[in-house]
Every structure is written in structure tokens, then in C-alpha cells.
N, C-alpha and C. Protein backbone atom coordinates (compact mmCIF):
# COMPACT_ATOMS: atom_id res chain seq x y z
N UNK A 1 -10.57 -36.48 59.67
CA UNK A 1 -10.74 -36.84 57.95
C UNK A 1 -11.27 -38.09 57.56
N UNK A 2 -11.74 -38.41 57.53
CA UNK A 2 -12.34 -39.49 56.91
C UNK A 2 -11.75 -39.77 55.39
N UNK A 3 -11.64 -40.80 54.63
CA UNK A 3 -10.99 -40.87 53.62
C UNK A 3 -11.68 -40.40 52.13
N UNK A 4 -13.08 -40.59 52.31
CA UNK A 4 -13.92 -39.25 51.07
C UNK A 4 -13.59 -38.06 51.26
N UNK A 5 -13.43 -37.48 52.85
CA UNK A 5 -13.01 -35.96 52.77
C UNK A 5 -11.61 -35.92 52.22
N UNK A 6 -10.59 -36.60 52.24
CA UNK A 6 -9.43 -36.57 51.95
C UNK A 6 -9.36 -37.11 50.47
N UNK A 7 -9.79 -37.45 49.98
CA UNK A 7 -10.22 -37.74 48.34
C UNK A 7 -10.44 -36.36 47.96
N UNK A 8 -11.29 -35.80 48.31
CA UNK A 8 -12.53 -34.73 47.97
C UNK A 8 -11.34 -33.44 47.75
N UNK A 9 -10.78 -33.19 48.72
CA UNK A 9 -9.64 -32.32 49.15
C UNK A 9 -8.49 -32.48 47.76
N UNK A 10 -8.23 -33.78 47.84
CA UNK A 10 -7.09 -33.89 46.55
C UNK A 10 -7.51 -33.61 45.52
N UNK A 11 -8.88 -34.09 44.99
CA UNK A 11 -9.48 -33.68 43.55
C UNK A 11 -9.50 -31.98 43.55
N UNK A 12 -9.90 -31.33 44.47
CA UNK A 12 -10.13 -29.95 44.70
C UNK A 12 -8.88 -29.29 44.53
N UNK A 13 -7.76 -30.05 44.85
CA UNK A 13 -6.55 -29.40 44.90
C UNK A 13 -6.16 -29.57 43.10
N UNK A 14 -6.09 -30.65 42.52
CA UNK A 14 -5.58 -30.96 41.39
C UNK A 14 -6.71 -30.32 40.34
N UNK A 15 -7.98 -30.60 40.56
CA UNK A 15 -8.53 -29.60 39.59
C UNK A 15 -8.29 -28.21 39.58
N UNK A 16 -7.98 -27.47 40.52
CA UNK A 16 -7.27 -26.30 40.90
C UNK A 16 -5.87 -26.08 40.16
N UNK A 17 -5.15 -27.06 40.13
CA UNK A 17 -3.80 -26.83 39.73
C UNK A 17 -3.57 -28.42 39.02
N UNK A 18 -4.02 -27.85 37.73
CA UNK A 18 -3.72 -29.60 37.00
C UNK A 18 -2.32 -29.56 36.38
N UNK A 19 -1.52 -28.82 36.63
CA UNK A 19 0.06 -28.97 36.31
C UNK A 19 0.65 -30.03 37.63
N UNK A 20 0.25 -30.09 38.61
CA UNK A 20 0.56 -30.68 39.56
C UNK A 20 0.29 -32.71 38.72
N UNK A 21 -0.71 -32.68 38.25
CA UNK A 21 -0.70 -34.22 37.41
C UNK A 21 0.18 -34.08 36.45
N UNK A 22 0.70 -33.22 35.77
CA UNK A 22 1.64 -32.92 35.05
C UNK A 22 2.95 -33.34 35.36
N UNK A 23 3.05 -32.82 36.72
CA UNK A 23 4.66 -33.01 37.40
C UNK A 23 4.79 -34.14 37.72
N UNK A 24 3.94 -34.46 38.08
CA UNK A 24 3.67 -36.47 38.45
C UNK A 24 4.05 -37.27 37.77
N UNK A 25 3.46 -36.87 36.57
CA UNK A 25 3.97 -37.66 35.61
C UNK A 25 5.24 -37.58 35.11
N UNK A 26 5.66 -36.32 34.60
CA UNK A 26 6.79 -36.53 34.36
C UNK A 26 8.20 -36.79 35.40
N UNK A 27 8.02 -37.12 36.81
CA UNK A 27 8.54 -37.46 37.94
C UNK A 27 8.67 -39.00 37.53
N UNK A 28 7.65 -39.75 36.70
CA UNK A 28 7.47 -41.10 36.80
C UNK A 28 7.84 -41.17 35.58
N UNK A 29 8.10 -40.86 34.57
CA UNK A 29 8.92 -40.80 33.37
C UNK A 29 10.31 -40.81 33.70
N UNK A 30 10.95 -39.98 34.09
CA UNK A 30 12.03 -39.64 34.22
C UNK A 30 12.56 -40.50 34.83
N UNK A 31 11.46 -41.15 36.31
CA UNK A 31 12.58 -42.21 37.08
C UNK A 31 12.46 -43.47 36.19
N UNK A 32 11.90 -43.85 35.15
CA UNK A 32 11.56 -44.82 34.18
C UNK A 32 12.34 -44.96 32.99
N UNK A 33 12.65 -43.52 32.79
CA UNK A 33 13.37 -43.24 31.52
C UNK A 33 12.78 -43.34 30.55
N UNK A 34 11.72 -43.36 30.19
CA UNK A 34 10.09 -42.89 29.24
C UNK A 34 10.19 -44.09 28.61
N UNK A 35 10.58 -45.24 29.49
CA UNK A 35 9.90 -46.83 29.09
C UNK A 35 8.25 -46.69 29.38
N UNK A 36 7.56 -46.43 30.04
CA UNK A 36 6.05 -46.55 29.71
C UNK A 36 5.83 -45.24 29.75
N UNK A 37 5.95 -44.24 28.92
CA UNK A 37 5.37 -42.87 28.85
C UNK A 37 4.21 -42.92 28.45
N UNK A 38 3.71 -43.60 26.99
CA UNK A 38 2.35 -44.04 26.60
C UNK A 38 1.42 -44.43 27.63
N UNK A 39 2.08 -45.32 28.68
CA UNK A 39 0.84 -45.59 29.96
C UNK A 39 0.76 -44.50 30.55
N UNK A 40 2.06 -43.51 30.95
CA UNK A 40 1.60 -42.54 31.89
C UNK A 40 1.00 -41.41 31.34
N UNK A 41 0.86 -41.05 30.03
CA UNK A 41 0.18 -40.13 29.21
C UNK A 41 -1.21 -40.39 29.40
N UNK A 42 -1.39 -41.81 29.12
CA UNK A 42 -3.04 -42.35 29.55
C UNK A 42 -3.55 -42.35 30.74
N UNK A 43 -2.62 -42.09 31.76
CA UNK A 43 -2.95 -42.24 33.40
C UNK A 43 -3.18 -40.75 33.47
N UNK A 44 -2.37 -39.88 33.16
CA UNK A 44 -2.53 -38.19 33.15
C UNK A 44 -4.01 -38.10 32.46
N UNK A 45 -4.04 -38.33 31.80
CA UNK A 45 -5.45 -38.11 31.14
C UNK A 45 -6.62 -38.54 32.03
N UNK A 46 -6.63 -39.77 32.39
CA UNK A 46 -7.53 -40.27 33.18
C UNK A 46 -7.47 -39.69 34.49
N UNK A 47 -6.37 -39.11 35.59
CA UNK A 47 -6.82 -37.95 36.39
C UNK A 47 -7.44 -37.18 36.02
N UNK A 48 -7.12 -36.14 35.29
CA UNK A 48 -7.61 -34.62 34.53
C UNK A 48 -9.05 -35.23 34.51
N UNK A 49 -9.40 -36.08 33.78
CA UNK A 49 -10.62 -36.30 33.64
C UNK A 49 -11.66 -36.46 34.75
N UNK A 50 -11.12 -37.17 35.53
CA UNK A 50 -11.52 -37.77 36.95
C UNK A 50 -11.63 -36.60 37.71
N UNK A 51 -10.96 -35.60 37.89
CA UNK A 51 -10.84 -34.65 38.69
C UNK A 51 -11.75 -33.26 37.97
N UNK A 52 -11.83 -33.25 36.82
CA UNK A 52 -12.44 -32.54 36.37
C UNK A 52 -11.90 -31.36 35.67
N UNK A 53 -10.33 -31.84 35.40
CA UNK A 53 -9.94 -30.77 35.04
C UNK A 53 -9.09 -31.08 33.72
N UNK A 54 -9.68 -31.89 32.70
CA UNK A 54 -9.68 -31.89 31.50
C UNK A 54 -9.56 -30.84 30.91
N UNK A 55 -10.31 -29.86 30.59
CA UNK A 55 -10.11 -28.86 29.66
C UNK A 55 -10.06 -27.54 30.44
N UNK A 56 -10.21 -27.80 31.83
CA UNK A 56 -9.54 -26.34 32.64
C UNK A 56 -8.49 -25.69 32.29
N UNK A 57 -8.20 -24.42 31.64
CA UNK A 57 -7.20 -23.54 31.36
C UNK A 57 -6.47 -23.39 32.59
N UNK A 58 -5.24 -23.60 32.36
CA UNK A 58 -4.14 -23.46 33.23
C UNK A 58 -3.97 -21.77 33.54
N UNK A 59 -4.10 -21.25 34.88
CA UNK A 59 -4.54 -19.79 34.98
C UNK A 59 -2.60 -19.82 35.69
N UNK A 60 -2.61 -20.11 35.87
CA UNK A 60 -1.06 -19.51 36.53
C UNK A 60 -0.01 -21.40 36.19
N UNK A 61 0.46 -21.26 35.38
CA UNK A 61 1.50 -22.37 35.39
C UNK A 61 2.55 -22.45 36.29
N UNK A 62 3.18 -23.67 36.91
CA UNK A 62 4.33 -23.63 37.72
C UNK A 62 5.50 -23.14 37.04
N UNK A 63 6.60 -22.41 37.24
CA UNK A 63 7.69 -21.89 36.49
C UNK A 63 8.59 -23.15 36.08
N UNK A 64 9.01 -23.34 34.82
CA UNK A 64 9.24 -24.02 34.37
C UNK A 64 8.66 -25.28 33.95
N UNK A 65 7.07 -25.16 34.02
CA UNK A 65 5.99 -25.80 33.35
C UNK A 65 5.20 -25.02 32.63
N UNK A 66 5.33 -24.27 31.72
CA UNK A 66 4.72 -23.33 30.51
C UNK A 66 3.40 -24.30 30.22
N UNK A 67 2.27 -23.61 30.10
CA UNK A 67 1.07 -23.97 29.85
C UNK A 67 1.31 -24.39 28.13
N UNK A 68 0.70 -25.74 28.23
CA UNK A 68 1.12 -26.77 26.94
C UNK A 68 0.37 -25.81 25.78
N UNK A 69 1.10 -25.73 24.33
CA UNK A 69 0.48 -24.74 23.22
C UNK A 69 -0.88 -25.21 22.67
N UNK A 70 -1.24 -24.35 21.76
CA UNK A 70 -2.71 -24.97 21.30
C UNK A 70 -2.36 -25.41 20.48
N UNK A 71 -3.13 -26.09 19.74
CA UNK A 71 -3.15 -27.26 18.49
C UNK A 71 -3.36 -26.52 17.27
N UNK A 72 -2.47 -26.26 16.55
CA UNK A 72 -3.31 -25.44 15.43
C UNK A 72 -4.41 -26.23 14.06
N UNK A 73 -5.15 -25.54 13.77
CA UNK A 73 -6.05 -25.65 12.77
C UNK A 73 -6.02 -26.42 11.83
N UNK A 74 -6.35 -27.84 11.61
CA UNK A 74 -5.86 -28.49 10.30
C UNK A 74 -6.10 -27.56 9.21
N UNK A 75 -4.53 -27.80 7.97
CA UNK A 75 -4.77 -26.74 7.13
C UNK A 75 -5.14 -27.22 5.89
N UNK A 76 -5.99 -26.58 4.92
CA UNK A 76 -6.48 -27.22 3.76
C UNK A 76 -6.30 -28.09 3.10
N UNK A 77 -6.56 -29.05 2.54
CA UNK A 77 -5.65 -29.57 1.78
C UNK A 77 -5.34 -28.57 -0.23
N UNK A 78 -4.71 -29.19 -0.16
CA UNK A 78 -4.58 -28.58 -1.73
C UNK A 78 -5.02 -29.30 -2.93
N UNK A 79 -5.47 -28.60 -4.27
CA UNK A 79 -6.48 -29.21 -4.99
C UNK A 79 -5.90 -30.27 -5.76
N UNK A 80 -6.43 -31.27 -6.06
CA UNK A 80 -5.44 -32.47 -6.64
C UNK A 80 -5.57 -31.86 -8.14
N UNK A 81 -4.39 -32.53 -8.66
CA UNK A 81 -4.31 -32.24 -10.31
C UNK A 81 -5.20 -32.72 -11.05
N UNK A 82 -5.63 -32.38 -12.14
CA UNK A 82 -6.21 -33.39 -13.17
C UNK A 82 -5.77 -34.35 -13.63
N UNK A 83 -6.22 -35.76 -14.02
CA UNK A 83 -6.00 -36.32 -14.53
C UNK A 83 -5.62 -35.91 -16.16
N UNK A 84 -4.68 -36.10 -16.76
CA UNK A 84 -4.31 -35.49 -18.67
C UNK A 84 -5.67 -36.59 -19.28
N UNK A 85 -6.12 -36.24 -20.20
CA UNK A 85 -7.31 -36.75 -20.98
C UNK A 85 -6.48 -37.54 -21.33
N UNK A 86 -6.92 -38.80 -22.19
CA UNK A 86 -6.51 -39.52 -23.37
C UNK A 86 -6.76 -39.03 -24.57
N UNK A 87 -5.36 -39.14 -25.16
CA UNK A 87 -5.90 -38.74 -26.70
C UNK A 87 -6.28 -39.36 -27.80
N UNK A 88 -6.86 -39.15 -29.14
CA UNK A 88 -7.10 -39.87 -29.52
C UNK A 88 -5.88 -40.45 -30.39
N UNK A 89 -6.38 -41.93 -30.95
CA UNK A 89 -5.21 -42.38 -31.73
C UNK A 89 -4.61 -41.61 -32.98
N UNK A 90 -3.37 -41.33 -33.38
CA UNK A 90 -2.78 -40.85 -34.41
C UNK A 90 -3.14 -41.32 -35.68
N UNK A 91 -3.09 -42.71 -35.25
CA UNK A 91 -2.80 -43.37 -36.72
C UNK A 91 -4.32 -43.88 -37.47
N UNK A 92 -5.19 -43.60 -36.32
CA UNK A 92 -6.69 -43.80 -36.82
C UNK A 92 -7.56 -42.63 -37.00
N UNK A 93 -7.34 -41.60 -38.05
CA UNK A 93 -8.23 -40.24 -37.60
C UNK A 93 -9.64 -40.97 -37.89
N UNK A 94 -10.28 -39.49 -37.47
CA UNK A 94 -12.06 -39.79 -37.40
C UNK A 94 -12.21 -39.71 -38.30
N UNK A 95 -13.39 -40.42 -38.66
CA UNK A 95 -14.23 -40.35 -40.17
C UNK A 95 -15.29 -39.50 -39.89
């Protein structure tokens, strides 16, 4: 098998089971005690995008690696209270 065939096989495996990407990143985080976790997260996202697994749903997550929770919809902001209206000075009655 040539290099391109090997790369294509790896991409297909990762696209079919993106939890392997997460497992690899978790192993690196554990080995580095989380020192490079932000870099590892970026690398995981890049790999998922490269293999086309970015938006692929996890059909059968591995035991111990549940599917990530869906993000909640943003909550609407509460209306802001109106500023009080200035009162007319009491020592100068209107004429």
C-alpha cells in the first residue's frame, strides 16, 4: 500500500469514528498534564475538519466517552429598566 492509500484509510477510520480523535487528544493532555490543552483542542478541531468529521454525529461513542452535550440556545436578554425622568426643580414653579 502506498502512502496515499494509507492516508485515505486513516481518514476514513477517523471520519467513521471521530471519538478516536478525542481519545488521542485526551491522551496527549494526560501526558502533558494539560499544559498544552488549548493547542491540543485546536489540533483536534483541525483534524476533524481535515477528515470531514467536523459535523458528523457520533453514532456509537466508545464506552467512557459519551457524546458531547449539545450547546444550549442563548437566552434572551431581560429588558433594561428605563432611566428615571428628571423632575422639575421645586423652588422654581412653572409660570
